[in-house]
C-alpha atoms as a PDB file:
ATOM      1  CA  MET A   1       0.000   0.000   0.000  1.00  0.00           C
ATOM      2  CA  SER A   2       1.473   3.391  -1.050  1.00  0.00           C
ATOM      3  CA  GLN A   3       0.356   6.824   0.084  1.00  0.00           C
ATOM      4  CA  LYS A   4      -0.245   9.714  -2.284  1.00  0.00           C
ATOM      5  CA  THR A   5      -0.377  13.282  -1.004  1.00  0.00           C
ATOM      6  CA  ALA A   6      -1.406  16.646  -2.405  1.00  0.00           C
ATOM      7  CA  LYS A   7      -2.151  20.116  -1.088  1.00  0.00           C
ATOM      8  CA  VAL A   8      -5.569  21.710  -1.501  1.00  0.00           C
ATOM      9  CA  PRO A   9      -5.173  24.424  -4.168  1.00  0.00           C
ATOM     10  CA  ALA A  10      -6.770  27.845  -3.943  1.00  0.00           C
ATOM     11  CA  SER A  11      -8.353  27.196  -7.353  1.00  0.00           C
ATOM     12  CA  ILE A  12     -10.950  24.954  -5.719  1.00  0.00           C
ATOM     13  CA  PRO A  13     -13.657  27.264  -4.305  1.00  0.00           C
ATOM     14  CA  GLN A  14     -14.736  26.946  -0.678  1.00  0.00           C
ATOM     15  CA  PRO A  15     -18.123  25.277  -1.351  1.00  0.00           C
ATOM     16  CA  ALA A  16     -16.318  22.471  -3.210  1.00  0.00           C
ATOM     17  CA  ARG A  17     -13.706  21.821  -0.543  1.00  0.00           C
ATOM     18  CA  GLN A  18     -15.545  18.942   1.060  1.00  0.00           C
ATOM     19  CA  LEU A  19     -13.181  16.026   1.568  1.00  0.00           C
ATOM     20  CA  SER A  20     -15.080  13.731  -0.795  1.00  0.00           C
ATOM     21  CA  ASN A  21     -14.902  16.309  -3.608  1.00  0.00           C
ATOM     22  CA  ILE A  22     -11.211  16.964  -2.968  1.00  0.00           C
ATOM     23  CA  LEU A  23     -10.379  13.273  -3.383  1.00  0.00           C
ATOM     24  CA  GLN A  24     -12.213  13.153  -6.691  1.00  0.00           C
ATOM     25  CA  ASN A  25     -10.541  16.323  -7.973  1.00  0.00           C
ATOM     26  CA  LEU A  26      -6.965  15.876  -6.753  1.00  0.00           C
ATOM     27  CA  PHE A  27      -6.558  12.113  -7.024  1.00  0.00           C
ATOM     28  CA  LYS A  28      -9.095  11.269  -9.750  1.00  0.00           C
ATOM     29  CA  ILE A  29     -10.664   8.645  -7.488  1.00  0.00           C
ATOM     30  CA  PRO A  30     -14.035   7.400  -8.798  1.00  0.00           C
ATOM     31  CA  ARG A  31     -16.947   8.740  -6.788  1.00  0.00           C
ATOM     32  CA  ALA A  32     -18.111   5.236  -5.836  1.00  0.00           C
ATOM     33  CA  GLN A  33     -14.745   4.524  -4.161  1.00  0.00           C
ATOM     34  CA  VAL A  34     -14.386   7.771  -2.243  1.00  0.00           C
ATOM     35  CA  GLY A  35     -16.853   6.910   0.539  1.00  0.00           C
ATOM     36  CA  PRO A  36     -15.310   3.550   1.448  1.00  0.00           C
ATOM     37  CA  LEU A  37     -11.776   5.012   1.440  1.00  0.00           C
ATOM     38  CA  ILE A  38     -12.789   7.744   3.885  1.00  0.00           C
ATOM     39  CA  GLU A  39     -14.927   5.520   6.102  1.00  0.00           C
ATOM     40  CA  GLU A  40     -12.272   2.837   6.393  1.00  0.00           C
ATOM     41  CA  GLY A  41      -9.597   5.317   7.552  1.00  0.00           C
ATOM     42  CA  PHE A  42      -7.472   5.478   4.390  1.00  0.00           C
ATOM     43  CA  VAL A  43      -7.605   9.291   4.176  1.00  0.00           C
ATOM     44  CA  THR A  44      -5.623  11.830   6.245  1.00  0.00           C
ATOM     45  CA  VAL A  45      -5.723  15.605   6.523  1.00  0.00           C
ATOM     46  CA  ASN A  46      -2.454  17.119   7.726  1.00  0.00           C
ATOM     47  CA  GLY A  47      -1.367  13.693   8.926  1.00  0.00           C
ATOM     48  CA  ARG A  48      -4.521  12.850  10.893  1.00  0.00           C
ATOM     49  CA  VAL A  49      -7.102  10.269   9.790  1.00  0.00           C
ATOM     50  CA  LYS A  50     -10.433  11.821   8.880  1.00  0.00           C
ATOM     51  CA  ARG A  51     -13.594   9.774   8.375  1.00  0.00           C
ATOM     52  CA  GLN A  52     -16.054  12.566   7.524  1.00  0.00           C
ATOM     53  CA  ALA A  53     -16.819  12.723   3.793  1.00  0.00           C
ATOM     54  CA  PHE A  54     -18.361  16.194   4.113  1.00  0.00           C
ATOM     55  CA  LEU A  55     -15.507  17.685   6.151  1.00  0.00           C
ATOM     56  CA  VAL A  56     -14.544  21.100   4.731  1.00  0.00           C
ATOM     57  CA  VAL A  57     -10.769  21.452   4.310  1.00  0.00           C
ATOM     58  CA  GLU A  58      -8.687  24.584   3.860  1.00  0.00           C
ATOM     59  CA  VAL A  59      -6.316  25.800   1.168  1.00  0.00           C
ATOM     60  CA  ASP A  60      -2.836  24.238   1.579  1.00  0.00           C
ATOM     61  CA  ASP A  61      -4.144  21.439   3.821  1.00  0.00           C
ATOM     62  CA  LEU A  62      -2.121  18.305   3.021  1.00  0.00           C
ATOM     63  CA  ILE A  63      -4.399  15.469   1.947  1.00  0.00           C
ATOM     64  CA  GLY A  64      -3.053  11.917   2.064  1.00  0.00           C
ATOM     65  CA  VAL A  65      -4.622   8.804   0.598  1.00  0.00           C
ATOM     66  CA  ASP A  66      -3.480   5.246   1.174  1.00  0.00           C
ATOM     67  CA  ILE A  67      -4.398   3.853  -2.206  1.00  0.00           C
ATOM     68  CA  VAL A  68      -5.808   0.344  -1.836  1.00  0.00           C
ATOM     69  CA  PRO A  69      -3.964  -1.997  -4.249  1.00  0.00           C
ATOM     70  CA  GLN A  70      -5.861  -2.921  -7.389  1.00  0.00           C
ATOM     71  CA  PRO A  71      -6.971  -6.545  -7.977  1.00  0.00           C
ATOM     72  CA  ILE A  72      -4.024  -8.785  -8.804  1.00  0.00           C
ATOM     73  CA  LEU A  73      -4.138  -9.979 -12.382  1.00  0.00           C
ATOM     74  CA  ALA A  74      -2.469 -13.132 -13.546  1.00  0.00           C
ATOM     75  CA  PRO A  75       0.438 -12.779 -15.956  1.00  0.00           C
ATOM     76  CA  VAL A  76      -2.016 -13.784 -18.677  1.00  0.00           C
ATOM     77  CA  GLN A  77      -2.635 -10.591 -20.617  1.00  0.00           C
ATOM     78  CA  SER A  78      -6.116  -9.655 -21.731  1.00  0.00           C
ATOM     79  CA  LYS A  79      -6.396  -9.701 -25.511  1.00  0.00           C
ATOM     80  CA  ASN A  80     -10.055  -8.774 -25.813  1.00  0.00           C
ATOM     81  CA  LYS A  81     -11.008  -5.975 -23.466  1.00  0.00           C
ATOM     82  CA  SER A  82     -14.774  -6.178 -23.509  1.00  0.00           C
ATOM     83  CA  SER A  83     -17.531  -4.234 -21.906  1.00  0.00           C
ATOM     84  CA  SER A  84     -21.272  -4.506 -21.681  1.00  0.00           C
ATOM     85  CA  ARG A  85     -24.021  -2.199 -20.579  1.00  0.00           C
ATOM     86  CA  SER A  86     -25.232  -4.822 -18.139  1.00  0.00           C
ATOM     87  CA  VAL A  87     -22.149  -6.869 -17.285  1.00  0.00           C
ATOM     88  CA  GLU A  88     -18.714  -5.574 -16.312  1.00  0.00           C
ATOM     89  CA  PHE A  89     -15.809  -7.606 -17.712  1.00  0.00           C
ATOM     90  CA  LEU A  90     -12.940  -7.781 -15.226  1.00  0.00           C
ATOM     91  CA  TYR A  91     -10.676 -10.028 -17.311  1.00  0.00           C
ATOM     92  CA  ASP A  92     -10.806 -11.534 -20.799  1.00  0.00           C
ATOM     93  CA  ASP A  93      -8.452 -13.761 -22.813  1.00  0.00           C
ATOM     94  CA  ASP A  94      -8.770 -16.473 -25.472  1.00  0.00           C
ATOM     95  CA  ASP A  95      -9.820 -19.135 -22.950  1.00  0.00           C
ATOM     96  CA  LEU A  96     -11.985 -17.480 -20.326  1.00  0.00           C
ATOM     97  CA  ALA A  97     -13.475 -14.274 -18.996  1.00  0.00           C
ATOM     98  CA  ILE A  98     -14.185 -13.031 -15.498  1.00  0.00           C
ATOM     99  CA  VAL A  99     -17.193 -10.800 -14.981  1.00  0.00           C
ATOM    100  CA  ASN A 100     -18.824  -8.843 -12.193  1.00  0.00           C
ATOM    101  CA  LYS A 101     -22.358 -10.233 -12.109  1.00  0.00           C
ATOM    102  CA  PRO A 102     -25.024  -7.685 -11.166  1.00  0.00           C
ATOM    103  CA  ALA A 103     -27.684  -8.619  -8.643  1.00  0.00           C
ATOM    104  CA  ASN A 104     -31.137  -9.739  -9.810  1.00  0.00           C
ATOM    105  CA  LEU A 105     -29.847 -11.403 -12.952  1.00  0.00           C
ATOM    106  CA  LEU A 106     -29.974 -15.166 -13.423  1.00  0.00           C
ATOM    107  CA  THR A 107     -26.644 -16.813 -14.203  1.00  0.00           C
ATOM    108  CA  VAL A 108     -28.304 -19.408 -16.455  1.00  0.00           C
ATOM    109  CA  PRO A 109     -31.923 -19.978 -17.524  1.00  0.00           C
ATOM    110  CA  THR A 110     -34.245 -21.963 -15.265  1.00  0.00           C
ATOM    111  CA  ARG A 111     -36.786 -24.467 -16.557  1.00  0.00           C
ATOM    112  CA  HIS A 112     -38.799 -21.437 -17.737  1.00  0.00           C
ATOM    113  CA  ARG A 113     -36.066 -20.738 -20.319  1.00  0.00           C
ATOM    114  CA  GLU A 114     -35.554 -17.056 -19.573  1.00  0.00           C
ATOM    115  CA  PRO A 115     -33.820 -15.350 -22.540  1.00  0.00           C
ATOM    116  CA  HIS A 116     -32.121 -12.606 -20.504  1.00  0.00           C
ATOM    117  CA  THR A 117     -29.407 -14.165 -18.341  1.00  0.00           C
ATOM    118  CA  LEU A 118     -25.792 -13.465 -17.496  1.00  0.00           C
ATOM    119  CA  MET A 119     -24.634 -16.239 -19.830  1.00  0.00           C
ATOM    120  CA  SER A 120     -26.656 -14.897 -22.751  1.00  0.00           C
ATOM    121  CA  LEU A 121     -25.260 -11.390 -22.238  1.00  0.00           C
ATOM    122  CA  VAL A 122     -21.692 -12.685 -21.972  1.00  0.00           C
ATOM    123  CA  GLU A 123     -22.052 -14.890 -25.042  1.00  0.00           C
ATOM    124  CA  ARG A 124     -23.433 -11.954 -27.001  1.00  0.00           C
ATOM    125  CA  GLN A 125     -20.380  -9.950 -25.994  1.00  0.00           C
ATOM    126  CA  PHE A 126     -18.039 -12.760 -27.059  1.00  0.00           C
ATOM    127  CA  GLN A 127     -19.697 -12.872 -30.477  1.00  0.00           C
ATOM    128  CA  LYS A 128     -18.957  -9.208 -31.119  1.00  0.00           C
ATOM    129  CA  THR A 129     -15.305 -10.210 -31.406  1.00  0.00           C
ATOM    130  CA  VAL A 130     -15.575 -13.817 -32.589  1.00  0.00           C
ATOM    131  CA  PRO A 131     -18.700 -14.697 -34.613  1.00  0.00           C
ATOM    132  CA  GLY A 132     -20.253 -17.921 -33.370  1.00  0.00           C
ATOM    133  CA  ALA A 133     -18.357 -17.844 -30.067  1.00  0.00           C
ATOM    134  CA  ARG A 134     -19.974 -19.621 -27.126  1.00  0.00           C
ATOM    135  CA  ALA A 135     -19.947 -19.125 -23.366  1.00  0.00           C
ATOM    136  CA  PHE A 136     -19.776 -22.115 -21.000  1.00  0.00           C
ATOM    137  CA  CYS A 137     -20.926 -21.891 -17.394  1.00  0.00           C
ATOM    138  CA  VAL A 138     -18.322 -22.876 -14.798  1.00  0.00           C
ATOM    139  CA  HIS A 139     -20.142 -21.983 -11.581  1.00  0.00           C
ATOM    140  CA  ARG A 140     -23.182 -19.936 -10.590  1.00  0.00           C
ATOM    141  CA  LEU A 141     -24.287 -17.124  -8.318  1.00  0.00           C
ATOM    142  CA  ASP A 142     -27.887 -16.929  -7.124  1.00  0.00           C
ATOM    143  CA  ARG A 143     -30.122 -14.398  -8.866  1.00  0.00           C
ATOM    144  CA  GLY A 144     -30.002 -11.918  -5.968  1.00  0.00           C
ATOM    145  CA  VAL A 145     -26.231 -12.200  -5.473  1.00  0.00           C
ATOM    146  CA  SER A 146     -23.636 -10.022  -7.200  1.00  0.00           C
ATOM    147  CA  GLY A 147     -19.917 -10.436  -7.707  1.00  0.00           C
ATOM    148  CA  VAL A 148     -17.038 -12.248  -9.370  1.00  0.00           C
ATOM    149  CA  LEU A 149     -17.839 -15.117 -11.701  1.00  0.00           C
ATOM    150  CA  VAL A 150     -15.698 -16.933 -14.274  1.00  0.00           C
ATOM    151  CA  VAL A 151     -16.998 -18.014 -17.697  1.00  0.00           C
ATOM    152  CA  ALA A 152     -15.183 -20.371 -20.076  1.00  0.00           C
ATOM    153  CA  LYS A 153     -14.979 -20.094 -23.864  1.00  0.00           C
ATOM    154  CA  SER A 154     -14.822 -23.842 -24.518  1.00  0.00           C
ATOM    155  CA  LEU A 155     -16.187 -26.977 -22.919  1.00  0.00           C
ATOM    156  CA  GLU A 156     -12.625 -28.203 -22.345  1.00  0.00           C
ATOM    157  CA  MET A 157     -11.736 -25.047 -20.415  1.00  0.00           C
ATOM    158  CA  ALA A 158     -14.997 -25.157 -18.446  1.00  0.00           C
ATOM    159  CA  GLU A 159     -14.363 -28.734 -17.324  1.00  0.00           C
ATOM    160  CA  ALA A 160     -10.777 -27.933 -16.330  1.00  0.00           C
ATOM    161  CA  ILE A 161     -11.908 -25.069 -14.092  1.00  0.00           C
ATOM    162  CA  ARG A 162     -14.804 -27.124 -12.708  1.00  0.00           C
ATOM    163  CA  ASP A 163     -12.265 -29.763 -11.696  1.00  0.00           C
ATOM    164  CA  GLN A 164     -10.528 -27.132  -9.574  1.00  0.00           C
ATOM    165  CA  PHE A 165     -13.831 -26.305  -7.893  1.00  0.00           C
ATOM    166  CA  ALA A 166     -14.494 -29.997  -7.276  1.00  0.00           C
ATOM    167  CA  MET A 167     -11.100 -30.276  -5.555  1.00  0.00           C
ATOM    168  CA  ARG A 168     -11.877 -27.119  -3.492  1.00  0.00           C
ATOM    169  CA  LYS A 169      -8.887 -25.287  -4.926  1.00  0.00           C
ATOM    170  CA  PRO A 170     -10.376 -21.898  -5.861  1.00  0.00           C
ATOM    171  CA  GLN A 171     -10.328 -19.234  -3.155  1.00  0.00           C
ATOM    172  CA  ARG A 172     -13.808 -17.764  -2.864  1.00  0.00           C
ATOM    173  CA  LYS A 173     -14.534 -14.866  -0.548  1.00  0.00           C
ATOM    174  CA  TYR A 174     -17.939 -13.280  -0.057  1.00  0.00           C
ATOM    175  CA  VAL A 175     -19.163 -10.384   2.045  1.00  0.00           C
ATOM    176  CA  ALA A 176     -22.591 -10.553   3.652  1.00  0.00           C
ATOM    177  CA  ILE A 177     -24.801  -8.477   5.914  1.00  0.00           C
ATOM    178  CA  VAL A 178     -26.902 -10.602   8.247  1.00  0.00           C
ATOM    179  CA  ALA A 179     -29.655 -10.052  10.764  1.00  0.00           C
ATOM    180  CA  GLY A 180     -28.538 -10.471  14.370  1.00  0.00           C
ATOM    181  CA  ILE A 181     -25.103 -10.773  15.947  1.00  0.00           C
ATOM    182  CA  PRO A 182     -23.341 -14.098  15.210  1.00  0.00           C
ATOM    183  CA  LYS A 183     -22.102 -16.055  18.216  1.00  0.00           C
ATOM    184  CA  PRO A 184     -19.397 -17.141  18.065  1.00  0.00           C
ATOM    185  CA  ALA A 185     -18.087 -14.241  16.012  1.00  0.00           C
ATOM    186  CA  ASN A 186     -15.953 -16.545  13.855  1.00  0.00           C
ATOM    187  CA  HIS A 187     -17.073 -20.059  13.068  1.00  0.00           C
ATOM    188  CA  GLU A 188     -17.172 -22.975  10.642  1.00  0.00           C
ATOM    189  CA  LEU A 189     -20.608 -24.122   9.502  1.00  0.00           C
ATOM    190  CA  ARG A 190     -20.715 -27.749   8.390  1.00  0.00           C
ATOM    191  CA  SER A 191     -23.827 -29.675   7.356  1.00  0.00           C
ATOM    192  CA  TYR A 192     -25.329 -31.846   4.615  1.00  0.00           C
ATOM    193  CA  LEU A 193     -27.714 -30.032   2.280  1.00  0.00           C
ATOM    194  CA  ALA A 194     -30.793 -31.627   0.779  1.00  0.00           C
ATOM    195  CA  THR A 195     -33.537 -30.250  -1.499  1.00  0.00           C
ATOM    196  CA  ASP A 196     -37.307 -30.367  -0.978  1.00  0.00           C
ATOM    197  CA  ALA A 197     -40.059 -30.521  -3.593  1.00  0.00           C
ATOM    198  CA  ASP A 198     -40.100 -26.716  -3.922  1.00  0.00           C
ATOM    199  CA  LEU A 199     -36.317 -26.637  -4.521  1.00  0.00           C
ATOM    200  CA  ASN A 200     -35.661 -25.148  -1.083  1.00  0.00           C
ATOM    201  CA  ARG A 201     -32.430 -26.305   0.550  1.00  0.00           C
ATOM    202  CA  TYR A 202     -32.121 -27.508   4.136  1.00  0.00           C
ATOM    203  CA  SER A 203     -29.631 -29.362   6.325  1.00  0.00           C
ATOM    204  CA  VAL A 204     -29.884 -33.047   7.156  1.00  0.00           C
ATOM    205  CA  PRO A 205     -27.812 -34.935   9.754  1.00  0.00           C
ATOM    206  CA  ASN A 206     -25.864 -37.311   7.529  1.00  0.00           C
ATOM    207  CA  ALA A 207     -24.303 -37.781   4.108  1.00  0.00           C
ATOM    208  CA  GLU A 208     -26.844 -40.397   3.004  1.00  0.00           C
ATOM    209  CA  HIS A 209     -29.454 -37.728   2.316  1.00  0.00           C
ATOM    210  CA  GLY A 210     -27.441 -34.627   1.446  1.00  0.00           C
ATOM    211  CA  GLU A 211     -24.272 -33.019   0.073  1.00  0.00           C
ATOM    212  CA  LEU A 212     -21.498 -31.904   2.399  1.00  0.00           C
ATOM    213  CA  ALA A 213     -21.380 -28.104   2.710  1.00  0.00           C
ATOM    214  CA  ILE A 214     -18.643 -26.221   4.590  1.00  0.00           C
ATOM    215  CA  THR A 215     -18.720 -22.466   5.136  1.00  0.00           C
ATOM    216  CA  HIS A 216     -16.345 -20.308   7.188  1.00  0.00           C
ATOM    217  CA  TYR A 217     -17.397 -16.868   8.400  1.00  0.00           C
ATOM    218  CA  GLU A 218     -15.670 -14.063  10.306  1.00  0.00           C
ATOM    219  CA  THR A 219     -17.529 -11.129  11.806  1.00  0.00           C
ATOM    220  CA  ARG A 220     -15.987  -7.829  10.670  1.00  0.00           C
ATOM    221  CA  HIS A 221     -18.472  -5.229  11.939  1.00  0.00           C
ATOM    222  CA  VAL A 222     -21.298  -5.399  14.454  1.00  0.00           C
ATOM    223  CA  TRP A 223     -24.196  -2.990  14.840  1.00  0.00           C
ATOM    224  CA  ARG A 224     -27.236  -3.039  17.079  1.00  0.00           C
ATOM    225  CA  ASP A 225     -29.199  -5.649  15.155  1.00  0.00           C
ATOM    226  CA  ALA A 226     -27.028  -6.668  12.197  1.00  0.00           C
ATOM    227  CA  ALA A 227     -23.481  -7.701  11.347  1.00  0.00           C
ATOM    228  CA  PHE A 228     -21.092  -7.553   8.411  1.00  0.00           C
ATOM    229  CA  LEU A 229     -19.419 -10.887   7.667  1.00  0.00           C
ATOM    230  CA  GLU A 230     -16.556 -12.113   5.544  1.00  0.00           C
ATOM    231  CA  VAL A 231     -17.464 -15.573   4.264  1.00  0.00           C
ATOM    232  CA  ARG A 232     -15.180 -18.138   2.674  1.00  0.00           C
ATOM    233  CA  LEU A 233     -16.464 -21.196   0.862  1.00  0.00           C
ATOM    234  CA  GLU A 234     -14.776 -24.560   1.182  1.00  0.00           C
ATOM    235  CA  THR A 235     -17.493 -26.284  -0.839  1.00  0.00           C
ATOM    236  CA  GLY A 236     -19.872 -24.656  -3.302  1.00  0.00           C
ATOM    237  CA  ARG A 237     -23.398 -26.035  -2.976  1.00  0.00           C
ATOM    238  CA  ARG A 238     -26.496 -24.245  -4.227  1.00  0.00           C
ATOM    239  CA  ASN A 239     -27.760 -21.677  -1.665  1.00  0.00           C
ATOM    240  CA  GLN A 240     -25.070 -22.892   0.748  1.00  0.00           C
ATOM    241  CA  ILE A 241     -24.253 -19.595   2.466  1.00  0.00           C
ATOM    242  CA  ARG A 242     -27.891 -18.526   2.641  1.00  0.00           C
ATOM    243  CA  VAL A 243     -29.107 -21.789   4.145  1.00  0.00           C
ATOM    244  CA  GLN A 244     -26.368 -22.305   6.712  1.00  0.00           C
ATOM    245  CA  LEU A 245     -26.399 -18.730   8.011  1.00  0.00           C
ATOM    246  CA  ALA A 246     -30.199 -18.752   8.227  1.00  0.00           C
ATOM    247  CA  GLU A 247     -30.215 -22.058  10.082  1.00  0.00           C
ATOM    248  CA  ALA A 248     -27.606 -20.655  12.473  1.00  0.00           C
ATOM    249  CA  GLY A 249     -30.048 -17.814  13.228  1.00  0.00           C
ATOM    250  CA  TYR A 250     -28.420 -15.089  11.104  1.00  0.00           C
ATOM    251  CA  PRO A 251     -30.208 -14.887   7.732  1.00  0.00           C
ATOM    252  CA  ILE A 252     -28.821 -12.660   4.996  1.00  0.00           C
ATOM    253  CA  LEU A 253     -30.711  -9.378   4.724  1.00  0.00           C
ATOM    254  CA  GLY A 254     -33.200  -9.307   1.881  1.00  0.00           C
ATOM    255  CA  ASP A 255     -33.416 -13.093   1.532  1.00  0.00           C
ATOM    256  CA  PRO A 256     -36.986 -13.900   0.432  1.00  0.00           C
ATOM    257  CA  ARG A 257     -36.585 -17.643   0.890  1.00  0.00           C
ATOM    258  CA  TYR A 258     -34.675 -18.499   4.054  1.00  0.00           C
ATOM    259  CA  LYS A 259     -36.157 -16.943   7.224  1.00  0.00           C
ATOM    260  CA  ALA A 260     -37.573 -14.115   5.158  1.00  0.00           C
ATOM    261  CA  ARG A 261     -39.309 -12.297   8.041  1.00  0.00           C
ATOM    262  CA  GLN A 262     -36.167 -12.264  10.149  1.00  0.00           C
ATOM    263  CA  ALA A 263     -34.144 -11.154   7.112  1.00  0.00           C
ATOM    264  CA  GLU A 264     -36.120  -7.897   6.834  1.00  0.00           C
ATOM    265  CA  HIS A 265     -34.306  -4.782   8.052  1.00  0.00           C
ATOM    266  CA  TRP A 266     -35.337  -1.129   8.179  1.00  0.00           C
ATOM    267  CA  ALA A 267     -32.082  -0.007   6.552  1.00  0.00           C
ATOM    268  CA  TRP A 268     -32.134  -2.602   3.750  1.00  0.00           C
ATOM    269  CA  PRO A 269     -35.019  -1.691   1.404  1.00  0.00           C
ATOM    270  CA  CYS A 270     -33.152  -3.246  -1.540  1.00  0.00           C
ATOM    271  CA  ARG A 271     -34.723  -5.945  -3.659  1.00  0.00           C
ATOM    272  CA  ARG A 272     -31.604  -8.056  -3.602  1.00  0.00           C
ATOM    273  CA  LEU A 273     -29.639 -10.218  -1.196  1.00  0.00           C
ATOM    274  CA  ALA A 274     -27.008  -8.603   1.011  1.00  0.00           C
ATOM    275  CA  LEU A 275     -24.487 -11.096  -0.355  1.00  0.00           C
ATOM    276  CA  HIS A 276     -21.634 -10.271  -2.731  1.00  0.00           C
ATOM    277  CA  ALA A 277     -18.899 -12.508  -4.176  1.00  0.00           C
ATOM    278  CA  GLU A 278     -15.993 -10.180  -3.477  1.00  0.00           C
ATOM    279  CA  SER A 279     -13.056 -12.204  -4.781  1.00  0.00           C
ATOM    280  CA  LEU A 280     -12.122 -15.350  -6.667  1.00  0.00           C
ATOM    281  CA  GLY A 281      -8.721 -16.962  -7.052  1.00  0.00           C
ATOM    282  CA  PHE A 282      -7.825 -19.974  -9.187  1.00  0.00           C
ATOM    283  CA  THR A 283      -5.162 -21.301 -11.556  1.00  0.00           C
ATOM    284  CA  HIS A 284      -5.405 -20.670 -15.277  1.00  0.00           C
ATOM    285  CA  PRO A 285      -5.772 -24.186 -16.740  1.00  0.00           C
ATOM    286  CA  ARG A 286      -3.763 -23.480 -19.870  1.00  0.00           C
ATOM    287  CA  THR A 287      -0.855 -21.418 -18.536  1.00  0.00           C
ATOM    288  CA  GLY A 288      -0.734 -22.455 -14.882  1.00  0.00           C
ATOM    289  CA  ALA A 289      -0.646 -18.771 -13.888  1.00  0.00           C
ATOM    290  CA  PRO A 290      -2.538 -17.662 -10.769  1.00  0.00           C
ATOM    291  CA  ILE A 291      -5.537 -15.406 -11.263  1.00  0.00           C
ATOM    292  CA  GLN A 292      -6.869 -13.383  -8.334  1.00  0.00           C
ATOM    293  CA  MET A 293      -9.752 -11.010  -9.006  1.00  0.00           C
ATOM    294  CA  GLU A 294     -11.639  -8.695  -6.659  1.00  0.00           C
ATOM    295  CA  THR A 295     -14.564  -6.291  -6.935  1.00  0.00           C
ATOM    296  CA  GLN A 296     -15.713  -3.264  -4.986  1.00  0.00           C
ATOM    297  CA  TRP A 297     -18.603  -3.585  -2.545  1.00  0.00           C
ATOM    298  CA  PRO A 298     -21.939  -2.762  -4.164  1.00  0.00           C
ATOM    299  CA  GLN A 299     -23.407   0.678  -3.489  1.00  0.00           C
ATOM    300  CA  GLU A 300     -26.196  -0.875  -1.402  1.00  0.00           C
ATOM    301  CA  PHE A 301     -23.592  -2.246   1.020  1.00  0.00           C
ATOM    302  CA  ARG A 302     -21.862   1.116   1.366  1.00  0.00           C
ATOM    303  CA  ASP A 303     -25.185   2.871   1.906  1.00  0.00           C
ATOM    304  CA  PHE A 304     -26.161   0.397   4.616  1.00  0.00           C
ATOM    305  CA  ILE A 305     -22.858   0.799   6.458  1.00  0.00           C
ATOM    306  CA  ARG A 306     -23.158   4.576   6.261  1.00  0.00           C
ATOM    307  CA  HIS A 307     -26.712   4.463   7.629  1.00  0.00           C
ATOM    308  CA  GLN A 308     -25.688   2.191  10.473  1.00  0.00           C
ATOM    309  CA  LYS A 309     -22.779   4.411  11.487  1.00  0.00           C
ATOM    310  CA  LYS A 310     -24.948   7.508  11.383  1.00  0.00           C
ATOM    311  CA  TYR A 311     -27.707   5.755  13.338  1.00  0.00           C
ATOM    312  CA  SER A 312     -25.228   4.543  15.964  1.00  0.00           C
ATOM    313  CA  GLN A 313     -23.841   8.065  16.414  1.00  0.00           C
ATOM    314  CA  THR A 314     -27.350   9.474  16.720  1.00  0.00           C
ATOM    315  CA  GLN A 315     -28.295   6.891  19.328  1.00  0.00           C
ATOM    316  CA  SER A 316     -25.114   7.541  21.293  1.00  0.00           C
ATOM    317  CA  GLY A 317     -25.864  11.253  21.340  1.00  0.00           C
ATOM    318  CA  ALA A 318     -29.440  10.636  22.386  1.00  0.00           C
ATOM    319  CA  ASP A 319     -28.353   8.363  25.227  1.00  0.00           C
ATOM    320  CA  GLY A 320     -26.174  11.166  26.599  1.00  0.00           C
ATOM    321  CA  ASP A 321     -28.940  13.812  26.596  1.00  0.00           C
ATOM    322  CA  GLU A 322     -30.867  14.575  29.742  1.00  0.00           C
END
């Protein structure tokens, strides 16, 4: 991590000298990244950490920013830098692509054969460069989940990456906001998942009736009635994180299927799950090079954290009044 510094110039008028605006102007930091940098303590004013986005600074104040390192790319160089109005391409070469799946988009069609899915959008993007190109699904994210997902350009490549998943080699990290305060704060969830007639998942006591599912979570932030978790998958079963956290008593906010009533929260009005696949690491099957890709937290997550901090400060002030 390297720090960049700059002094506030007199050319920026006083109304625009709020810390968030200064970061965008002086360091060309995207607006979506400014809030998290300030809130997480990566910004200093005259050598002191400041966490107030709307703080007004003065001319010649020295602003410092600890720039968070960018996602680590494998040595494989991208040959086809693609983009889509709906899907962000994080990495693209002749064998595979890595995308940032938006929430509320199916990865693949269900039995209803939906035409608008992540795979159809990605395949359409492939075909802009290579007519007739196809996209092959390697793994999936639930409709309401966003984040990093890898797509293969051939069946051979898809099977090679799937083999890594089957051997639990890929490193998969999620972030989640859950209802309640997990106890213990850090824990391994292990159960066997089965499926009922309505395709809901649930845990059973032994391997004869279900698939082994192992999830590790660590509590990163705690508020009055919710918590922010870092979740790592050891296995990758359908709905695994959602089911195991709900059964433990801490459903993911916005989950309409698993403990839906408990998953409602006043500060999460979003029609999506508070679950995001933040990073994915695996080995490129053709070159053997490591690929590690990360994404920013969705705006809904940042808004929730901001609301919770503001609410906590308000409550603390109210408790001190007589």
